[in-house]
PDB file of N, CA and C in Angstrom:
ATOM      1  N   MET A   1      18.756   4.549  53.947  1.00  0.00           N
ATOM      2  CA  MET A   1      18.467   5.958  54.670  1.00  0.00           C
ATOM      3  C   MET A   1      20.141   5.789  54.584  1.00  0.00           C
ATOM      4  N   ALA A   2      20.390   6.828  54.687  1.00  0.00           N
ATOM      5  CA  ALA A   2      21.884   7.002  54.756  1.00  0.00           C
ATOM      6  C   ALA A   2      22.890   6.287  56.313  1.00  0.00           C
ATOM      7  N   GLU A   3      23.824   5.856  56.119  1.00  0.00           N
ATOM      8  CA  GLU A   3      24.702   4.808  56.810  1.00  0.00           C
ATOM      9  C   GLU A   3      25.494   6.456  58.219  1.00  0.00           C
ATOM     10  N   VAL A   4      25.307   5.822  59.397  1.00  0.00           N
ATOM     11  CA  VAL A   4      26.363   6.010  59.797  1.00  0.00           C
ATOM     12  C   VAL A   4      27.524   6.329  59.852  1.00  0.00           C
ATOM     13  N   GLU A   5      28.194   7.303  60.178  1.00  0.00           N
ATOM     14  CA  GLU A   5      29.255   8.051  59.738  1.00  0.00           C
ATOM     15  C   GLU A   5      30.190   7.511  60.532  1.00  0.00           C
ATOM     16  N   HIS A   6      31.257   7.709  60.234  1.00  0.00           N
ATOM     17  CA  HIS A   6      32.162   6.712  61.602  1.00  0.00           C
ATOM     18  C   HIS A   6      33.774   7.564  61.528  1.00  0.00           C
ATOM     19  N   ASN A   7      33.427   8.289  59.784  1.00  0.00           N
ATOM     20  CA  ASN A   7      35.289   8.097  59.844  1.00  0.00           C
ATOM     21  C   ASN A   7      35.488  10.321  59.365  1.00  0.00           C
ATOM     22  N   TYR A   8      33.344  10.404  58.847  1.00  0.00           N
ATOM     23  CA  TYR A   8      33.047  11.456  58.729  1.00  0.00           C
ATOM     24  C   TYR A   8      34.202  12.687  59.154  1.00  0.00           C
ATOM     25  N   ALA A   9      34.805  13.785  57.746  1.00  0.00           N
ATOM     26  CA  ALA A   9      36.194  14.491  59.038  1.00  0.00           C
ATOM     27  C   ALA A   9      35.394  15.614  60.012  1.00  0.00           C
ATOM     28  N   ALA A  10      34.002  16.284  60.078  1.00  0.00           N
ATOM     29  CA  ALA A  10      33.123  17.335  60.852  1.00  0.00           C
ATOM     30  C   ALA A  10      32.384  16.377  62.147  1.00  0.00           C
ATOM     31  N   ARG A  11      32.359  16.751  62.426  1.00  0.00           N
ATOM     32  CA  ARG A  11      31.682  15.665  63.933  1.00  0.00           C
ATOM     33  C   ARG A  11      31.593  16.170  65.606  1.00  0.00           C
ATOM     34  N   VAL A  12      29.449  15.540  65.082  1.00  0.00           N
ATOM     35  CA  VAL A  12      29.438  16.563  66.879  1.00  0.00           C
ATOM     36  C   VAL A  12      29.055  15.376  67.696  1.00  0.00           C
ATOM     37  N   SER A  13      29.591  15.825  69.548  1.00  0.00           N
ATOM     38  CA  SER A  13      29.589  14.640  70.295  1.00  0.00           C
ATOM     39  C   SER A  13      27.964  14.765  71.097  1.00  0.00           C
ATOM     40  N   VAL A  14      28.073  13.045  71.888  1.00  0.00           N
ATOM     41  CA  VAL A  14      26.462  13.604  72.829  1.00  0.00           C
ATOM     42  C   VAL A  14      27.897  12.759  74.341  1.00  0.00           C
ATOM     43  N   THR A  15      27.178  13.238  74.793  1.00  0.00           N
ATOM     44  CA  THR A  15      27.582  12.688  76.398  1.00  0.00           C
ATOM     45  C   THR A  15      26.830  11.744  76.853  1.00  0.00           C
ATOM     46  N   GLU A  16      27.236  11.111  77.894  1.00  0.00           N
ATOM     47  CA  GLU A  16      26.206  10.379  78.026  1.00  0.00           C
ATOM     48  C   GLU A  16      25.462  10.538  78.777  1.00  0.00           C
ATOM     49  N   SER A  17      25.171  11.999  79.443  1.00  0.00           N
ATOM     50  CA  SER A  17      23.476  12.128  80.653  1.00  0.00           C
ATOM     51  C   SER A  17      22.914  12.256  79.587  1.00  0.00           C
ATOM     52  N   ALA A  18      23.242  12.937  77.508  1.00  0.00           N
ATOM     53  CA  ALA A  18      22.272  13.662  76.894  1.00  0.00           C
ATOM     54  C   ALA A  18      22.117  12.137  76.378  1.00  0.00           C
ATOM     55  N   ALA A  19      22.131  10.872  75.779  1.00  0.00           N
ATOM     56  CA  ALA A  19      22.125   8.998  75.592  1.00  0.00           C
ATOM     57  C   ALA A  19      21.212   8.878  76.672  1.00  0.00           C
ATOM     58  N   GLU A  20      21.380   9.285  77.965  1.00  0.00           N
ATOM     59  CA  GLU A  20      20.343   8.688  78.121  1.00  0.00           C
ATOM     60  C   GLU A  20      19.068   8.803  78.733  1.00  0.00           C
ATOM     61  N   ARG A  21      18.660  10.484  78.481  1.00  0.00           N
ATOM     62  CA  ARG A  21      17.523  11.266  78.598  1.00  0.00           C
ATOM     63  C   ARG A  21      17.666  11.060  77.296  1.00  0.00           C
ATOM     64  N   VAL A  22      17.844  10.879  76.067  1.00  0.00           N
ATOM     65  CA  VAL A  22      17.435  11.199  74.641  1.00  0.00           C
ATOM     66  C   VAL A  22      16.719   9.195  74.687  1.00  0.00           C
ATOM     67  N   HIS A  23      17.294   8.071  75.347  1.00  0.00           N
ATOM     68  CA  HIS A  23      17.400   7.161  74.976  1.00  0.00           C
ATOM     69  C   HIS A  23      15.465   6.837  76.270  1.00  0.00           C
ATOM     70  N   THR A  24      15.273   7.701  76.927  1.00  0.00           N
ATOM     71  CA  THR A  24      14.068   7.550  78.334  1.00  0.00           C
ATOM     72  C   THR A  24      13.018   9.021  76.902  1.00  0.00           C
ATOM     73  N   LEU A  25      13.161   9.820  76.902  1.00  0.00           N
ATOM     74  CA  LEU A  25      12.367  10.239  75.513  1.00  0.00           C
ATOM     75  C   LEU A  25      12.328   9.365  74.643  1.00  0.00           C
ATOM     76  N   ILE A  26      12.722   8.323  74.214  1.00  0.00           N
ATOM     77  CA  ILE A  26      12.174   7.145  73.067  1.00  0.00           C
ATOM     78  C   ILE A  26      11.270   6.633  73.405  1.00  0.00           C
ATOM     79  N   LYS A  27      11.579   5.670  74.589  1.00  0.00           N
ATOM     80  CA  LYS A  27      10.834   5.209  75.400  1.00  0.00           C
ATOM     81  C   LYS A  27       9.392   5.376  75.195  1.00  0.00           C
ATOM     82  N   MET A  28       9.742   6.960  76.737  1.00  0.00           N
ATOM     83  CA  MET A  28       8.579   7.130  76.237  1.00  0.00           C
ATOM     84  C   MET A  28       7.691   7.693  75.107  1.00  0.00           C
ATOM     85  N   GLU A  29       8.195   8.038  73.959  1.00  0.00           N
ATOM     86  CA  GLU A  29       7.348   8.122  72.238  1.00  0.00           C
ATOM     87  C   GLU A  29       6.999   7.148  72.522  1.00  0.00           C
ATOM     88  N   GLY A  30       7.384   5.600  72.785  1.00  0.00           N
ATOM     89  CA  GLY A  30       6.836   4.592  72.516  1.00  0.00           C
ATOM     90  C   GLY A  30       7.461   3.626  70.958  1.00  0.00           C
ATOM     91  N   LYS A  31       9.231   4.680  70.309  1.00  0.00           N
ATOM     92  CA  LYS A  31       8.779   4.471  68.540  1.00  0.00           C
ATOM     93  C   LYS A  31      10.467   4.198  68.955  1.00  0.00           C
ATOM     94  N   PRO A  32      11.223   2.411  68.979  1.00  0.00           N
ATOM     95  CA  PRO A  32      11.861   2.897  68.315  1.00  0.00           C
ATOM     96  C   PRO A  32      13.084   3.411  67.990  1.00  0.00           C
ATOM     97  N   ASN A  33      12.585   3.469  66.887  1.00  0.00           N
ATOM     98  CA  ASN A  33      13.763   3.914  65.560  1.00  0.00           C
ATOM     99  C   ASN A  33      13.974   5.362  65.980  1.00  0.00           C
ATOM    100  N   MET A  34      14.343   5.829  66.782  1.00  0.00           N
ATOM    101  CA  MET A  34      13.884   7.611  66.061  1.00  0.00           C
ATOM    102  C   MET A  34      15.229   7.447  67.066  1.00  0.00           C
ATOM    103  N   MET A  35      15.296   9.018  66.166  1.00  0.00           N
ATOM    104  CA  MET A  35      17.003   9.495  66.764  1.00  0.00           C
ATOM    105  C   MET A  35      16.695  10.639  66.362  1.00  0.00           C
ATOM    106  N   LEU A  36      17.833  10.898  67.462  1.00  0.00           N
ATOM    107  CA  LEU A  36      17.899  12.973  67.813  1.00  0.00           C
ATOM    108  C   LEU A  36      18.487  13.727  66.560  1.00  0.00           C
ATOM    109  N   ARG A  37      17.673  14.357  67.048  1.00  0.00           N
ATOM    110  CA  ARG A  37      18.132  15.295  65.501  1.00  0.00           C
ATOM    111  C   ARG A  37      18.577  17.120  65.979  1.00  0.00           C
ATOM    112  N   LEU A  38      19.829  17.794  65.406  1.00  0.00           N
ATOM    113  CA  LEU A  38      19.699  18.463  66.207  1.00  0.00           C
ATOM    114  C   LEU A  38      20.627  19.288  64.499  1.00  0.00           C
ATOM    115  N   GLY A  39      19.903  21.254  64.562  1.00  0.00           N
ATOM    116  CA  GLY A  39      19.835  21.301  64.250  1.00  0.00           C
ATOM    117  C   GLY A  39      20.332  23.306  64.001  1.00  0.00           C
ATOM    118  N   VAL A  40      20.196  23.959  63.066  1.00  0.00           N
ATOM    119  CA  VAL A  40      20.777  25.780  63.262  1.00  0.00           C
ATOM    120  C   VAL A  40      19.937  25.781  62.273  1.00  0.00           C
ATOM    121  N   SER A  41      18.840  26.996  62.484  1.00  0.00           N
ATOM    122  CA  SER A  41      17.896  27.715  61.586  1.00  0.00           C
ATOM    123  C   SER A  41      18.245  29.264  62.601  1.00  0.00           C
ATOM    124  N   GLY A  42      18.338  29.941  60.996  1.00  0.00           N
ATOM    125  CA  GLY A  42      18.417  31.656  61.044  1.00  0.00           C
ATOM    126  C   GLY A  42      17.356  32.153  62.719  1.00  0.00           C
ATOM    127  N   GLY A  43      17.629  33.204  63.264  1.00  0.00           N
ATOM    128  CA  GLY A  43      16.719  33.696  64.480  1.00  0.00           C
ATOM    129  C   GLY A  43      17.634  33.494  65.754  1.00  0.00           C
ATOM    130  N   GLY A  44      16.654  33.756  66.104  1.00  0.00           N
ATOM    131  CA  GLY A  44      17.250  34.052  67.888  1.00  0.00           C
ATOM    132  C   GLY A  44      17.058  35.047  68.254  1.00  0.00           C
ATOM    133  N   CYS A  45      17.518  35.492  68.866  1.00  0.00           N
ATOM    134  CA  CYS A  45      18.413  36.824  69.679  1.00  0.00           C
ATOM    135  C   CYS A  45      19.555  37.054  69.546  1.00  0.00           C
ATOM    136  N   SER A  46      20.536  36.112  68.660  1.00  0.00           N
ATOM    137  CA  SER A  46      21.884  35.996  68.835  1.00  0.00           C
ATOM    138  C   SER A  46      22.709  35.771  66.986  1.00  0.00           C
ATOM    139  N   GLY A  47      21.442  35.475  66.265  1.00  0.00           N
ATOM    140  CA  GLY A  47      21.363  35.142  65.209  1.00  0.00           C
ATOM    141  C   GLY A  47      21.633  34.128  64.119  1.00  0.00           C
ATOM    142  N   PHE A  48      21.378  32.627  65.083  1.00  0.00           N
ATOM    143  CA  PHE A  48      21.196  31.381  65.236  1.00  0.00           C
ATOM    144  C   PHE A  48      21.059  30.663  65.966  1.00  0.00           C
ATOM    145  N   SER A  49      19.770  29.518  65.745  1.00  0.00           N
ATOM    146  CA  SER A  49      18.768  29.081  66.292  1.00  0.00           C
ATOM    147  C   SER A  49      18.977  27.978  66.917  1.00  0.00           C
ATOM    148  N   TYR A  50      19.440  27.198  67.814  1.00  0.00           N
ATOM    149  CA  TYR A  50      19.509  25.387  67.785  1.00  0.00           C
ATOM    150  C   TYR A  50      18.219  24.994  67.721  1.00  0.00           C
ATOM    151  N   GLY A  51      17.706  23.938  67.120  1.00  0.00           N
ATOM    152  CA  GLY A  51      16.354  22.497  66.818  1.00  0.00           C
ATOM    153  C   GLY A  51      17.009  22.001  67.820  1.00  0.00           C
ATOM    154  N   ILE A  52      16.636  20.832  68.233  1.00  0.00           N
ATOM    155  CA  ILE A  52      16.912  19.528  68.691  1.00  0.00           C
ATOM    156  C   ILE A  52      15.135  18.013  68.346  1.00  0.00           C
ATOM    157  N   SER A  53      15.059  17.801  68.173  1.00  0.00           N
ATOM    158  CA  SER A  53      13.858  17.498  67.902  1.00  0.00           C
ATOM    159  C   SER A  53      14.532  15.964  68.083  1.00  0.00           C
ATOM    160  N   LEU A  54      13.293  14.901  68.207  1.00  0.00           N
ATOM    161  CA  LEU A  54      13.318  12.988  67.756  1.00  0.00           C
ATOM    162  C   LEU A  54      13.123  12.886  66.659  1.00  0.00           C
ATOM    163  N   ASP A  55      13.370  12.759  65.849  1.00  0.00           N
ATOM    164  CA  ASP A  55      13.060  12.057  64.425  1.00  0.00           C
ATOM    165  C   ASP A  55      12.795  10.750  64.313  1.00  0.00           C
ATOM    166  N   ASP A  56      12.576  10.429  63.040  1.00  0.00           N
ATOM    167  CA  ASP A  56      12.207   9.043  62.971  1.00  0.00           C
ATOM    168  C   ASP A  56      13.117   9.510  61.199  1.00  0.00           C
ATOM    169  N   LYS A  57      13.168  10.153  60.481  1.00  0.00           N
ATOM    170  CA  LYS A  57      13.760  10.210  58.588  1.00  0.00           C
ATOM    171  C   LYS A  57      14.435  10.794  59.080  1.00  0.00           C
ATOM    172  N   VAL A  58      15.295  10.792  57.531  1.00  0.00           N
ATOM    173  CA  VAL A  58      16.827  11.007  57.340  1.00  0.00           C
ATOM    174  C   VAL A  58      16.587  11.142  55.951  1.00  0.00           C
ATOM    175  N   GLY A  59      17.305  12.816  55.445  1.00  0.00           N
ATOM    176  CA  GLY A  59      17.345  13.417  54.390  1.00  0.00           C
ATOM    177  C   GLY A  59      18.507  12.999  53.732  1.00  0.00           C
ATOM    178  N   ASP A  60      18.843  13.165  52.670  1.00  0.00           N
ATOM    179  CA  ASP A  60      19.633  13.224  51.281  1.00  0.00           C
ATOM    180  C   ASP A  60      20.743  13.780  51.946  1.00  0.00           C
ATOM    181  N   ASP A  61      20.531  14.816  52.238  1.00  0.00           N
ATOM    182  CA  ASP A  61      22.002  15.634  53.183  1.00  0.00           C
ATOM    183  C   ASP A  61      22.436  15.572  53.921  1.00  0.00           C
ATOM    184  N   ASP A  62      21.697  14.959  54.754  1.00  0.00           N
ATOM    185  CA  ASP A  62      21.535  14.249  56.362  1.00  0.00           C
ATOM    186  C   ASP A  62      22.980  12.985  56.731  1.00  0.00           C
ATOM    187  N   ARG A  63      23.700  13.809  57.703  1.00  0.00           N
ATOM    188  CA  ARG A  63      24.988  13.157  58.086  1.00  0.00           C
ATOM    189  C   ARG A  63      25.207  12.321  59.676  1.00  0.00           C
ATOM    190  N   MET A  64      24.221  11.218  59.574  1.00  0.00           N
ATOM    191  CA  MET A  64      24.487  10.261  61.047  1.00  0.00           C
ATOM    192  C   MET A  64      25.208  10.288  62.213  1.00  0.00           C
ATOM    193  N   PHE A  65      25.885  10.404  63.080  1.00  0.00           N
ATOM    194  CA  PHE A  65      27.034  10.376  63.851  1.00  0.00           C
ATOM    195  C   PHE A  65      26.352   8.878  65.883  1.00  0.00           C
ATOM    196  N   SER A  66      26.437   7.779  66.030  1.00  0.00           N
ATOM    197  CA  SER A  66      26.412   7.190  66.963  1.00  0.00           C
ATOM    198  C   SER A  66      26.997   7.078  67.915  1.00  0.00           C
ATOM    199  N   GLU A  67      26.255   7.542  69.176  1.00  0.00           N
ATOM    200  CA  GLU A  67      27.642   7.313  70.299  1.00  0.00           C
ATOM    201  C   GLU A  67      26.502   7.104  71.412  1.00  0.00           C
ATOM    202  N   PHE A  68      27.088   6.460  72.818  1.00  0.00           N
ATOM    203  CA  PHE A  68      25.509   5.966  73.847  1.00  0.00           C
ATOM    204  C   PHE A  68      24.984   5.505  72.806  1.00  0.00           C
ATOM    205  N   GLY A  69      24.672   4.647  71.950  1.00  0.00           N
ATOM    206  CA  GLY A  69      23.738   3.651  71.641  1.00  0.00           C
ATOM    207  C   GLY A  69      22.491   4.872  70.779  1.00  0.00           C
ATOM    208  N   VAL A  70      22.907   5.957  70.909  1.00  0.00           N
ATOM    209  CA  VAL A  70      21.898   6.330  69.909  1.00  0.00           C
ATOM    210  C   VAL A  70      22.668   7.906  68.910  1.00  0.00           C
ATOM    211  N   THR A  71      21.751   7.145  68.461  1.00  0.00           N
ATOM    212  CA  THR A  71      21.847   8.441  66.842  1.00  0.00           C
ATOM    213  C   THR A  71      21.449   9.204  66.414  1.00  0.00           C
ATOM    214  N   LEU A  72      22.378  10.633  66.273  1.00  0.00           N
ATOM    215  CA  LEU A  72      22.154  11.826  66.404  1.00  0.00           C
ATOM    216  C   LEU A  72      22.563  11.637  64.543  1.00  0.00           C
ATOM    217  N   VAL A  73      21.253  12.835  64.398  1.00  0.00           N
ATOM    218  CA  VAL A  73      21.580  13.327  62.574  1.00  0.00           C
ATOM    219  C   VAL A  73      21.231  14.998  62.448  1.00  0.00           C
ATOM    220  N   ILE A  74      22.073  15.429  61.311  1.00  0.00           N
ATOM    221  CA  ILE A  74      22.570  16.600  60.870  1.00  0.00           C
ATOM    222  C   ILE A  74      22.140  17.145  59.942  1.00  0.00           C
ATOM    223  N   ASP A  75      21.858  17.996  59.345  1.00  0.00           N
ATOM    224  CA  ASP A  75      22.002  18.443  58.368  1.00  0.00           C
ATOM    225  C   ASP A  75      23.206  18.932  57.536  1.00  0.00           C
ATOM    226  N   GLN A  76      23.749  19.086  57.079  1.00  0.00           N
ATOM    227  CA  GLN A  76      25.038  19.395  56.404  1.00  0.00           C
ATOM    228  C   GLN A  76      25.309  21.248  56.922  1.00  0.00           C
ATOM    229  N   THR A  77      23.843  21.734  56.215  1.00  0.00           N
ATOM    230  CA  THR A  77      24.149  22.841  56.331  1.00  0.00           C
ATOM    231  C   THR A  77      24.370  22.764  58.058  1.00  0.00           C
ATOM    232  N   SER A  78      23.824  22.539  58.511  1.00  0.00           N
ATOM    233  CA  SER A  78      23.635  22.775  60.607  1.00  0.00           C
ATOM    234  C   SER A  78      25.700  22.227  61.273  1.00  0.00           C
ATOM    235  N   LEU A  79      25.896  20.568  60.166  1.00  0.00           N
ATOM    236  CA  LEU A  79      27.230  20.267  60.362  1.00  0.00           C
ATOM    237  C   LEU A  79      27.689  21.225  60.437  1.00  0.00           C
ATOM    238  N   ASP A  80      28.324  21.613  59.325  1.00  0.00           N
ATOM    239  CA  ASP A  80      29.190  23.356  59.187  1.00  0.00           C
ATOM    240  C   ASP A  80      29.912  24.543  60.330  1.00  0.00           C
ATOM    241  N   MET A  81      28.019  24.900  60.623  1.00  0.00           N
ATOM    242  CA  MET A  81      28.082  25.438  61.992  1.00  0.00           C
ATOM    243  C   MET A  81      28.528  24.677  63.518  1.00  0.00           C
ATOM    244  N   LEU A  82      28.543  23.171  63.459  1.00  0.00           N
ATOM    245  CA  LEU A  82      28.089  22.536  64.714  1.00  0.00           C
ATOM    246  C   LEU A  82      29.662  22.136  64.910  1.00  0.00           C
ATOM    247  N   ASP A  83      30.230  22.049  64.231  1.00  0.00           N
ATOM    248  CA  ASP A  83      31.461  20.955  63.943  1.00  0.00           C
ATOM    249  C   ASP A  83      31.987  21.179  64.780  1.00  0.00           C
ATOM    250  N   GLY A  84      32.624  19.933  65.992  1.00  0.00           N
ATOM    251  CA  GLY A  84      33.435  20.126  66.968  1.00  0.00           C
ATOM    252  C   GLY A  84      32.416  20.940  68.322  1.00  0.00           C
ATOM    253  N   SER A  85      31.141  20.640  68.737  1.00  0.00           N
ATOM    254  CA  SER A  85      30.376  20.708  69.244  1.00  0.00           C
ATOM    255  C   SER A  85      30.075  19.317  70.263  1.00  0.00           C
ATOM    256  N   VAL A  86      29.360  19.612  71.639  1.00  0.00           N
ATOM    257  CA  VAL A  86      29.136  18.054  72.297  1.00  0.00           C
ATOM    258  C   VAL A  86      27.653  18.778  72.676  1.00  0.00           C
ATOM    259  N   VAL A  87      27.369  17.856  72.479  1.00  0.00           N
ATOM    260  CA  VAL A  87      25.246  17.978  73.033  1.00  0.00           C
ATOM    261  C   VAL A  87      25.723  17.494  74.078  1.00  0.00           C
ATOM    262  N   ASP A  88      25.112  18.257  75.126  1.00  0.00           N
ATOM    263  CA  ASP A  88      24.787  18.051  76.524  1.00  0.00           C
ATOM    264  C   ASP A  88      23.379  17.565  77.330  1.00  0.00           C
ATOM    265  N   TYR A  89      22.892  17.275  78.574  1.00  0.00           N
ATOM    266  CA  TYR A  89      21.836  17.059  79.403  1.00  0.00           C
ATOM    267  C   TYR A  89      21.988  17.913  80.588  1.00  0.00           C
ATOM    268  N   VAL A  90      21.604  19.081  80.840  1.00  0.00           N
ATOM    269  CA  VAL A  90      22.550  18.837  82.296  1.00  0.00           C
ATOM    270  C   VAL A  90      20.702  19.290  83.185  1.00  0.00           C
ATOM    271  N   GLU A  91      20.868  19.082  84.597  1.00  0.00           N
ATOM    272  CA  GLU A  91      19.912  18.176  84.980  1.00  0.00           C
ATOM    273  C   GLU A  91      20.789  19.589  86.385  1.00  0.00           C
ATOM    274  N   ASP A  92      19.827  20.768  87.053  1.00  0.00           N
ATOM    275  CA  ASP A  92      20.101  21.212  88.258  1.00  0.00           C
ATOM    276  C   ASP A  92      19.480  22.346  88.606  1.00  0.00           C
ATOM    277  N   LEU A  93      19.591  23.267  89.800  1.00  0.00           N
ATOM    278  CA  LEU A  93      18.616  24.442  90.060  1.00  0.00           C
ATOM    279  C   LEU A  93      16.909  24.979  89.166  1.00  0.00           C
ATOM    280  N   ALA A  94      18.035  25.400  88.503  1.00  0.00           N
ATOM    281  CA  ALA A  94      17.244  26.323  87.296  1.00  0.00           C
ATOM    282  C   ALA A  94      16.384  25.352  86.254  1.00  0.00           C
ATOM    283  N   GLY A  95      16.820  23.946  86.334  1.00  0.00           N
ATOM    284  CA  GLY A  95      15.535  23.066  84.800  1.00  0.00           C
ATOM    285  C   GLY A  95      17.127  22.723  85.036  1.00  0.00           C
ATOM    286  N   SER A  96      16.387  21.333  83.839  1.00  0.00           N
ATOM    287  CA  SER A  96      16.423  21.013  82.941  1.00  0.00           C
ATOM    288  C   SER A  96      16.605  20.922  81.398  1.00  0.00           C
ATOM    289  N   SER A  97      18.121  20.756  81.005  1.00  0.00           N
ATOM    290  CA  SER A  97      17.558  21.451  79.658  1.00  0.00           C
ATOM    291  C   SER A  97      19.030  20.069  78.449  1.00  0.00           C
ATOM    292  N   PHE A  98      18.944  20.275  77.361  1.00  0.00           N
ATOM    293  CA  PHE A  98      19.992  20.050  76.738  1.00  0.00           C
ATOM    294  C   PHE A  98      20.518  21.059  76.726  1.00  0.00           C
ATOM    295  N   GLN A  99      22.110  21.045  75.749  1.00  0.00           N
ATOM    296  CA  GLN A  99      22.590  22.607  76.223  1.00  0.00           C
ATOM    297  C   GLN A  99      23.922  21.508  75.156  1.00  0.00           C
ATOM    298  N   ILE A 100      24.365  22.772  74.222  1.00  0.00           N
ATOM    299  CA  ILE A 100      25.203  22.729  72.868  1.00  0.00           C
ATOM    300  C   ILE A 100      26.202  23.748  73.087  1.00  0.00           C
ATOM    301  N   LYS A 101      27.356  22.376  73.160  1.00  0.00           N
ATOM    302  CA  LYS A 101      28.940  23.378  73.849  1.00  0.00           C
ATOM    303  C   LYS A 101      29.537  23.498  72.243  1.00  0.00           C
ATOM    304  N   ASN A 102      29.019  24.938  71.768  1.00  0.00           N
ATOM    305  CA  ASN A 102      29.375  24.728  70.710  1.00  0.00           C
ATOM    306  C   ASN A 102      30.818  25.505  70.072  1.00  0.00           C
ATOM    307  N   PRO A 103      32.105  25.128  70.080  1.00  0.00           N
ATOM    308  CA  PRO A 103      33.338  26.001  69.803  1.00  0.00           C
ATOM    309  C   PRO A 103      32.828  27.387  68.465  1.00  0.00           C
ATOM    310  N   ASN A 104      32.598  26.960  67.750  1.00  0.00           N
ATOM    311  CA  ASN A 104      32.224  28.321  66.417  1.00  0.00           C
ATOM    312  C   ASN A 104      31.233  29.028  66.796  1.00  0.00           C
ATOM    313  N   ALA A 105      30.902  28.153  67.972  1.00  0.00           N
ATOM    314  CA  ALA A 105      30.182  30.044  68.530  1.00  0.00           C
ATOM    315  C   ALA A 105      31.099  31.247  68.884  1.00  0.00           C
ATOM    316  N   THR A 106      30.403  32.395  68.467  1.00  0.00           N
ATOM    317  CA  THR A 106      31.659  33.707  69.225  1.00  0.00           C
ATOM    318  C   THR A 106      30.769  34.338  69.934  1.00  0.00           C
ATOM    319  N   SER A 107      29.832  34.299  69.817  1.00  0.00           N
ATOM    320  CA  SER A 107      28.874  34.438  71.247  1.00  0.00           C
ATOM    321  C   SER A 107      27.552  33.661  70.955  1.00  0.00           C
ATOM    322  N   THR A 108      26.831  33.348  72.558  1.00  0.00           N
ATOM    323  CA  THR A 108      25.892  33.489  72.559  1.00  0.00           C
ATOM    324  C   THR A 108      24.838  34.098  73.467  1.00  0.00           C
ATOM    325  N   CYS A 109      23.339  33.811  73.381  1.00  0.00           N
ATOM    326  CA  CYS A 109      22.295  34.333  74.153  1.00  0.00           C
ATOM    327  C   CYS A 109      22.492  33.494  75.675  1.00  0.00           C
ATOM    328  N   GLY A 110      22.026  34.584  76.584  1.00  0.00           N
ATOM    329  CA  GLY A 110      22.171  34.075  78.498  1.00  0.00           C
ATOM    330  C   GLY A 110      20.672  33.064  78.167  1.00  0.00           C
ATOM    331  N   CYS A 111      20.360  32.318  77.600  1.00  0.00           N
ATOM    332  CA  CYS A 111      19.574  31.200  78.099  1.00  0.00           C
ATOM    333  C   CYS A 111      20.463  29.678  76.377  1.00  0.00           C
ATOM    334  N   GLY A 112      21.240  30.418  76.156  1.00  0.00           N
ATOM    335  CA  GLY A 112      21.785  28.894  75.956  1.00  0.00           C
ATOM    336  C   GLY A 112      21.130  28.797  74.138  1.00  0.00           C
ATOM    337  N   SER A 113      20.497  29.387  73.884  1.00  0.00           N
ATOM    338  CA  SER A 113      19.892  28.710  73.044  1.00  0.00           C
ATOM    339  C   SER A 113      19.901  28.844  71.480  1.00  0.00           C
ATOM    340  N   SER A 114      20.567  29.831  71.439  1.00  0.00           N
ATOM    341  CA  SER A 114      20.934  30.852  70.335  1.00  0.00           C
ATOM    342  C   SER A 114      22.261  31.146  70.491  1.00  0.00           C
ATOM    343  N   PHE A 115      23.145  31.514  69.172  1.00  0.00           N
ATOM    344  CA  PHE A 115      24.397  31.765  68.533  1.00  0.00           C
ATOM    345  C   PHE A 115      24.996  32.886  67.800  1.00  0.00           C
ATOM    346  N   SER A 116      26.262  32.726  67.394  1.00  0.00           N
ATOM    347  CA  SER A 116      26.616  33.669  66.187  1.00  0.00           C
ATOM    348  C   SER A 116      27.884  33.423  66.118  1.00  0.00           C
ATOM    349  N   VAL A 117      28.213  33.527  64.839  1.00  0.00           N
ATOM    350  CA  VAL A 117      29.415  33.006  64.262  1.00  0.00           C
ATOM    351  C   VAL A 117      30.561  33.974  63.472  1.00  0.00           C
TER     352      VAL A 117
END
């Protein structure tokens, strides 16, 4: 298993709100070794789309970050597009969702789940 990165040049952060939600989801799953996986794939209305899931596996090209007791796992290719991003969890009148604030995105779609660079 890869080690948690502490001084890696690229960095993605998790807000306290997102961490609290991840802890709740992990507790609901009943699998304490789960981590939050964030990735980017081709597709979506703006070119790329975000993928967020719980995972208990780490690949050779994955980077791991820890914040607020949550381990965030991101593959190297996705990390290149997500450097400096913040994962947040927002609850408002429209609903609740994880949101990615990505400083590398040149445009995003209205739903916030896809972007272009």
